[in-house]
């Protein structure tokens, strides 16, 4: 029997929320989860959009890489 481990080298995750505090909380929770699999934040890109009713919508893309 052969046993082989494959490690995740890169991981990209997308987040969205209706306010910036919630978005930040979601990202921070995922950072803690990814520390367990030895991934750190490599790059973060975020964006804010306003719909026709004036409501704000926040989104972010976080690129995690192996240490």
PDB file of N, CA and C in Angstrom:
ATOM      1  N   UNK A   1       0.842  -1.174   0.000  1.00  0.00           N
ATOM      2  CA  UNK A   1       0.000   0.000   0.000  1.00  0.00           C
ATOM      3  C   UNK A   1       0.887   1.238   0.000  1.00  0.00           C
ATOM      4  N   UNK A   2       0.571   2.159  -0.893  1.00  0.00           N
ATOM      5  CA  UNK A   2       1.344   3.396  -1.001  1.00  0.00           C
ATOM      6  C   UNK A   2       0.573   4.532  -0.345  1.00  0.00           C
ATOM      7  N   UNK A   3       1.274   5.308   0.453  1.00  0.00           N
ATOM      8  CA  UNK A   3       0.664   6.439   1.148  1.00  0.00           C
ATOM      9  C   UNK A   3       1.351   7.712   0.674  1.00  0.00           C
ATOM     10  N   UNK A   4       0.591   8.616   0.087  1.00  0.00           N
ATOM     11  CA  UNK A   4       1.164   9.841  -0.463  1.00  0.00           C
ATOM     12  C   UNK A   4       0.392  11.044   0.060  1.00  0.00           C
ATOM     13  N   UNK A   5       1.130  12.052   0.523  1.00  0.00           N
ATOM     14  CA  UNK A   5       0.523  13.292   0.990  1.00  0.00           C
ATOM     15  C   UNK A   5       0.701  14.383  -0.054  1.00  0.00           C
ATOM     16  N   UNK A   6      -0.367  15.067  -0.370  1.00  0.00           N
ATOM     17  CA  UNK A   6      -0.303  16.238  -1.243  1.00  0.00           C
ATOM     18  C   UNK A   6      -0.636  17.461  -0.404  1.00  0.00           C
ATOM     19  N   UNK A   7       0.234  18.449  -0.452  1.00  0.00           N
ATOM     20  CA  UNK A   7       0.026  19.660   0.310  1.00  0.00           C
ATOM     21  C   UNK A   7      -0.558  20.746  -0.588  1.00  0.00           C
ATOM     22  N   UNK A   8      -1.433  21.528  -0.030  1.00  0.00           N
ATOM     23  CA  UNK A   8      -2.000  22.663  -0.758  1.00  0.00           C
ATOM     24  C   UNK A   8      -0.950  23.766  -0.788  1.00  0.00           C
ATOM     25  N   UNK A   9      -0.610  24.237  -1.963  1.00  0.00           N
ATOM     26  CA  UNK A   9       0.382  25.295  -2.118  1.00  0.00           C
ATOM     27  C   UNK A   9      -0.272  26.674  -2.230  1.00  0.00           C
ATOM     28  N   UNK A  10      -1.380  26.736  -2.956  1.00  0.00           N
ATOM     29  CA  UNK A  10      -2.111  27.983  -3.173  1.00  0.00           C
ATOM     30  C   UNK A  10      -3.596  27.738  -2.981  1.00  0.00           C
ATOM     31  N   UNK A  11      -4.269  28.749  -2.465  1.00  0.00           N
ATOM     32  CA  UNK A  11      -5.710  28.652  -2.261  1.00  0.00           C
ATOM     33  C   UNK A  11      -6.277  30.061  -2.385  1.00  0.00           C
ATOM     34  N   UNK A  12      -7.326  30.205  -3.181  1.00  0.00           N
ATOM     35  CA  UNK A  12      -7.982  31.496  -3.350  1.00  0.00           C
ATOM     36  C   UNK A  12      -9.406  31.371  -2.839  1.00  0.00           C
ATOM     37  N   UNK A  13      -9.805  32.308  -1.973  1.00  0.00           N
ATOM     38  CA  UNK A  13     -11.144  32.276  -1.396  1.00  0.00           C
ATOM     39  C   UNK A  13     -11.829  33.616  -1.613  1.00  0.00           C
ATOM     40  N   UNK A  14     -13.147  33.554  -1.786  1.00  0.00           N
ATOM     41  CA  UNK A  14     -13.963  34.735  -2.036  1.00  0.00           C
ATOM     42  C   UNK A  14     -14.900  34.960  -0.856  1.00  0.00           C
ATOM     43  N   UNK A  15     -15.070  36.218  -0.485  1.00  0.00           N
ATOM     44  CA  UNK A  15     -15.916  36.579   0.645  1.00  0.00           C
ATOM     45  C   UNK A  15     -16.840  37.720   0.230  1.00  0.00           C
ATOM     46  N   UNK A  16     -18.025  37.780   0.857  1.00  0.00           N
ATOM     47  CA  UNK A  16     -18.941  38.880   0.607  1.00  0.00           C
ATOM     48  C   UNK A  16     -19.757  39.154   1.867  1.00  0.00           C
ATOM     49  N   UNK A  17     -20.148  40.414   2.023  1.00  0.00           N
ATOM     50  CA  UNK A  17     -20.931  40.808   3.192  1.00  0.00           C
ATOM     51  C   UNK A  17     -21.611  42.147   2.914  1.00  0.00           C
ATOM     52  N   UNK A  18     -22.572  42.462   3.748  1.00  0.00           N
ATOM     53  CA  UNK A  18     -23.306  43.718   3.603  1.00  0.00           C
ATOM     54  C   UNK A  18     -22.658  44.876   4.362  1.00  0.00           C
ATOM     55  N   UNK A  19     -21.682  44.564   5.232  1.00  0.00           N
ATOM     56  CA  UNK A  19     -20.931  45.637   5.903  1.00  0.00           C
ATOM     57  C   UNK A  19     -19.481  45.198   6.063  1.00  0.00           C
ATOM     58  N   UNK A  20     -18.621  46.185   6.224  1.00  0.00           N
ATOM     59  CA  UNK A  20     -17.181  45.934   6.243  1.00  0.00           C
ATOM     60  C   UNK A  20     -16.750  45.145   7.481  1.00  0.00           C
ATOM     61  N   UNK A  21     -17.402  45.363   8.607  1.00  0.00           N
ATOM     62  CA  UNK A  21     -17.058  44.633   9.840  1.00  0.00           C
ATOM     63  C   UNK A  21     -17.307  43.137   9.674  1.00  0.00           C
ATOM     64  N   UNK A  22     -18.434  42.771   9.078  1.00  0.00           N
ATOM     65  CA  UNK A  22     -18.758  41.359   8.852  1.00  0.00           C
ATOM     66  C   UNK A  22     -17.774  40.732   7.874  1.00  0.00           C
ATOM     67  N   UNK A  23     -17.424  41.469   6.839  1.00  0.00           N
ATOM     68  CA  UNK A  23     -16.446  40.973   5.866  1.00  0.00           C
ATOM     69  C   UNK A  23     -15.104  40.721   6.543  1.00  0.00           C
ATOM     70  N   UNK A  24     -14.667  41.662   7.350  1.00  0.00           N
ATOM     71  CA  UNK A  24     -13.399  41.503   8.065  1.00  0.00           C
ATOM     72  C   UNK A  24     -13.440  40.300   9.005  1.00  0.00           C
ATOM     73  N   UNK A  25     -14.555  40.110   9.686  1.00  0.00           N
ATOM     74  CA  UNK A  25     -14.698  38.973  10.595  1.00  0.00           C
ATOM     75  C   UNK A  25     -14.610  37.645   9.839  1.00  0.00           C
ATOM     76  N   UNK A  26     -15.285  37.550   8.684  1.00  0.00           N
ATOM     77  CA  UNK A  26     -15.249  36.329   7.881  1.00  0.00           C
ATOM     78  C   UNK A  26     -13.822  36.015   7.420  1.00  0.00           C
ATOM     79  N   UNK A  27     -13.121  37.044   6.970  1.00  0.00           N
ATOM     80  CA  UNK A  27     -11.748  36.845   6.498  1.00  0.00           C
ATOM     81  C   UNK A  27     -10.840  36.411   7.649  1.00  0.00           C
ATOM     82  N   UNK A  28     -10.951  37.066   8.799  1.00  0.00           N
ATOM     83  CA  UNK A  28     -10.112  36.705   9.947  1.00  0.00           C
ATOM     84  C   UNK A  28     -10.376  35.281  10.427  1.00  0.00           C
ATOM     85  N   UNK A  29     -11.630  34.845  10.410  1.00  0.00           N
ATOM     86  CA  UNK A  29     -11.943  33.463  10.788  1.00  0.00           C
ATOM     87  C   UNK A  29     -11.281  32.475   9.837  1.00  0.00           C
ATOM     88  N   UNK A  30     -11.320  32.791   8.535  1.00  0.00           N
ATOM     89  CA  UNK A  30     -10.723  31.874   7.562  1.00  0.00           C
ATOM     90  C   UNK A  30      -9.206  31.882   7.644  1.00  0.00           C
ATOM     91  N   UNK A  31      -8.622  33.003   7.993  1.00  0.00           N
ATOM     92  CA  UNK A  31      -7.167  33.059   8.193  1.00  0.00           C
ATOM     93  C   UNK A  31      -6.769  32.093   9.303  1.00  0.00           C
ATOM     94  N   UNK A  32      -7.519  32.077  10.386  1.00  0.00           N
ATOM     95  CA  UNK A  32      -7.229  31.158  11.492  1.00  0.00           C
ATOM     96  C   UNK A  32      -7.382  29.701  11.060  1.00  0.00           C
ATOM     97  N   UNK A  33      -8.402  29.391  10.263  1.00  0.00           N
ATOM     98  CA  UNK A  33      -8.610  28.018   9.782  1.00  0.00           C
ATOM     99  C   UNK A  33      -7.455  27.591   8.885  1.00  0.00           C
ATOM    100  N   UNK A  34      -7.006  28.505   8.027  1.00  0.00           N
ATOM    101  CA  UNK A  34      -5.948  28.155   7.081  1.00  0.00           C
ATOM    102  C   UNK A  34      -4.577  28.059   7.733  1.00  0.00           C
ATOM    103  N   UNK A  35      -4.405  28.667   8.896  1.00  0.00           N
ATOM    104  CA  UNK A  35      -3.147  28.495   9.625  1.00  0.00           C
ATOM    105  C   UNK A  35      -2.935  27.027   9.987  1.00  0.00           C
ATOM    106  N   UNK A  36      -4.018  26.315  10.231  1.00  0.00           N
ATOM    107  CA  UNK A  36      -3.928  24.892  10.593  1.00  0.00           C
ATOM    108  C   UNK A  36      -3.365  24.054   9.457  1.00  0.00           C
ATOM    109  N   UNK A  37      -3.552  24.504   8.218  1.00  0.00           N
ATOM    110  CA  UNK A  37      -3.000  23.766   7.070  1.00  0.00           C
ATOM    111  C   UNK A  37      -1.798  24.500   6.475  1.00  0.00           C
ATOM    112  N   UNK A  38      -1.165  25.329   7.326  1.00  0.00           N
ATOM    113  CA  UNK A  38       0.106  25.992   6.999  1.00  0.00           C
ATOM    114  C   UNK A  38       0.011  26.964   5.815  1.00  0.00           C
ATOM    115  N   UNK A  39      -1.105  27.670   5.700  1.00  0.00           N
ATOM    116  CA  UNK A  39      -1.251  28.674   4.661  1.00  0.00           C
ATOM    117  C   UNK A  39      -1.295  30.060   5.295  1.00  0.00           C
ATOM    118  N   UNK A  40      -0.642  31.010   4.645  1.00  0.00           N
ATOM    119  CA  UNK A  40      -0.657  32.390   5.106  1.00  0.00           C
ATOM    120  C   UNK A  40      -1.208  33.283   3.998  1.00  0.00           C
ATOM    121  N   UNK A  41      -1.593  34.478   4.356  1.00  0.00           N
ATOM    122  CA  UNK A  41      -2.149  35.425   3.379  1.00  0.00           C
ATOM    123  C   UNK A  41      -1.022  35.948   2.501  1.00  0.00           C
ATOM    124  N   UNK A  42      -1.236  35.843   1.198  1.00  0.00           N
ATOM    125  CA  UNK A  42      -0.274  36.358   0.224  1.00  0.00           C
ATOM    126  C   UNK A  42      -0.752  37.698  -0.340  1.00  0.00           C
ATOM    127  N   UNK A  43      -2.057  37.790  -0.636  1.00  0.00           N
ATOM    128  CA  UNK A  43      -2.600  39.007  -1.246  1.00  0.00           C
ATOM    129  C   UNK A  43      -4.086  39.114  -0.936  1.00  0.00           C
ATOM    130  N   UNK A  44      -4.556  40.337  -0.747  1.00  0.00           N
ATOM    131  CA  UNK A  44      -5.977  40.605  -0.528  1.00  0.00           C
ATOM    132  C   UNK A  44      -6.416  41.699  -1.497  1.00  0.00           C
ATOM    133  N   UNK A  45      -7.542  41.464  -2.166  1.00  0.00           N
ATOM    134  CA  UNK A  45      -8.153  42.490  -3.013  1.00  0.00           C
ATOM    135  C   UNK A  45      -9.602  42.630  -2.570  1.00  0.00           C
ATOM    136  N   UNK A  46     -10.062  43.869  -2.462  1.00  0.00           N
ATOM    137  CA  UNK A  46     -11.433  44.068  -2.007  1.00  0.00           C
ATOM    138  C   UNK A  46     -12.133  45.118  -2.859  1.00  0.00           C
ATOM    139  N   UNK A  47     -13.449  45.125  -2.752  1.00  0.00           N
ATOM    140  CA  UNK A  47     -14.238  46.024  -3.578  1.00  0.00           C
ATOM    141  C   UNK A  47     -15.534  46.361  -2.843  1.00  0.00           C
ATOM    142  N   UNK A  48     -16.048  47.549  -3.100  1.00  0.00           N
ATOM    143  CA  UNK A  48     -17.325  47.962  -2.543  1.00  0.00           C
ATOM    144  C   UNK A  48     -18.195  48.438  -3.693  1.00  0.00           C
ATOM    145  N   UNK A  49     -19.426  47.935  -3.734  1.00  0.00           N
ATOM    146  CA  UNK A  49     -20.379  48.336  -4.760  1.00  0.00           C
ATOM    147  C   UNK A  49     -21.617  48.919  -4.094  1.00  0.00           C
ATOM    148  N   UNK A  50     -22.271  49.826  -4.796  1.00  0.00           N
ATOM    149  CA  UNK A  50     -23.517  50.419  -4.313  1.00  0.00           C
ATOM    150  C   UNK A  50     -24.606  50.067  -5.311  1.00  0.00           C
ATOM    151  N   UNK A  51     -25.718  49.481  -4.809  1.00  0.00           N
ATOM    152  CA  UNK A  51     -26.813  49.128  -5.718  1.00  0.00           C
ATOM    153  C   UNK A  51     -27.705  50.342  -5.975  1.00  0.00           C
ATOM    154  N   UNK A  52     -28.724  50.155  -6.790  1.00  0.00           N
ATOM    155  CA  UNK A  52     -29.587  51.276  -7.184  1.00  0.00           C
ATOM    156  C   UNK A  52     -30.369  51.876  -6.011  1.00  0.00           C
ATOM    157  N   UNK A  53     -30.496  51.147  -4.908  1.00  0.00           N
ATOM    158  CA  UNK A  53     -31.179  51.657  -3.716  1.00  0.00           C
ATOM    159  C   UNK A  53     -30.222  52.332  -2.741  1.00  0.00           C
ATOM    160  N   UNK A  54     -28.938  52.386  -3.082  1.00  0.00           N
ATOM    161  CA  UNK A  54     -27.956  53.030  -2.225  1.00  0.00           C
ATOM    162  C   UNK A  54     -27.337  52.119  -1.180  1.00  0.00           C
ATOM    163  N   UNK A  55     -27.663  50.828  -1.218  1.00  0.00           N
ATOM    164  CA  UNK A  55     -27.079  49.888  -0.250  1.00  0.00           C
ATOM    165  C   UNK A  55     -25.682  49.491  -0.696  1.00  0.00           C
ATOM    166  N   UNK A  56     -24.808  49.371   0.271  1.00  0.00           N
ATOM    167  CA  UNK A  56     -23.422  48.982  -0.020  1.00  0.00           C
ATOM    168  C   UNK A  56     -23.273  47.476   0.074  1.00  0.00           C
ATOM    169  N   UNK A  57     -22.400  46.949  -0.764  1.00  0.00           N
ATOM    170  CA  UNK A  57     -22.105  45.522  -0.802  1.00  0.00           C
ATOM    171  C   UNK A  57     -20.598  45.378  -0.900  1.00  0.00           C
ATOM    172  N   UNK A  58     -20.018  44.635   0.030  1.00  0.00           N
ATOM    173  CA  UNK A  58     -18.566  44.472   0.097  1.00  0.00           C
ATOM    174  C   UNK A  58     -18.160  43.060  -0.317  1.00  0.00           C
ATOM    175  N   UNK A  59     -17.056  42.968  -1.051  1.00  0.00           N
ATOM    176  CA  UNK A  59     -16.530  41.656  -1.427  1.00  0.00           C
ATOM    177  C   UNK A  59     -15.003  41.702  -1.369  1.00  0.00           C
ATOM    178  N   UNK A  60     -14.427  40.520  -1.222  1.00  0.00           N
ATOM    179  CA  UNK A  60     -12.964  40.423  -1.148  1.00  0.00           C
ATOM    180  C   UNK A  60     -12.508  39.081  -1.700  1.00  0.00           C
ATOM    181  N   UNK A  61     -11.303  39.093  -2.234  1.00  0.00           N
ATOM    182  CA  UNK A  61     -10.629  37.882  -2.692  1.00  0.00           C
ATOM    183  C   UNK A  61      -9.330  37.794  -1.899  1.00  0.00           C
ATOM    184  N   UNK A  62      -9.099  36.641  -1.270  1.00  0.00           N
ATOM    185  CA  UNK A  62      -7.883  36.443  -0.480  1.00  0.00           C
ATOM    186  C   UNK A  62      -7.105  35.287  -1.064  1.00  0.00           C
ATOM    187  N   UNK A  63      -5.836  35.540  -1.372  1.00  0.00           N
ATOM    188  CA  UNK A  63      -4.951  34.510  -1.917  1.00  0.00           C
ATOM    189  C   UNK A  63      -4.058  34.020  -0.768  1.00  0.00           C
ATOM    190  N   UNK A  64      -4.181  32.742  -0.464  1.00  0.00           N
ATOM    191  CA  UNK A  64      -3.355  32.119   0.572  1.00  0.00           C
ATOM    192  C   UNK A  64      -2.259  31.306  -0.102  1.00  0.00           C
ATOM    193  N   UNK A  65      -1.068  31.305   0.489  1.00  0.00           N
ATOM    194  CA  UNK A  65       0.061  30.521  -0.020  1.00  0.00           C
ATOM    195  C   UNK A  65       0.707  29.762   1.120  1.00  0.00           C
ATOM    196  N   UNK A  66       1.357  28.675   0.765  1.00  0.00           N
ATOM    197  CA  UNK A  66       2.077  27.873   1.765  1.00  0.00           C
ATOM    198  C   UNK A  66       3.266  28.654   2.292  1.00  0.00           C
ATOM    199  N   UNK A  67       3.589  28.424   3.553  1.00  0.00           N
ATOM    200  CA  UNK A  67       4.737  29.100   4.179  1.00  0.00           C
ATOM    201  C   UNK A  67       6.017  28.638   3.550  1.00  0.00           C
TER     202      UNK A  67
END
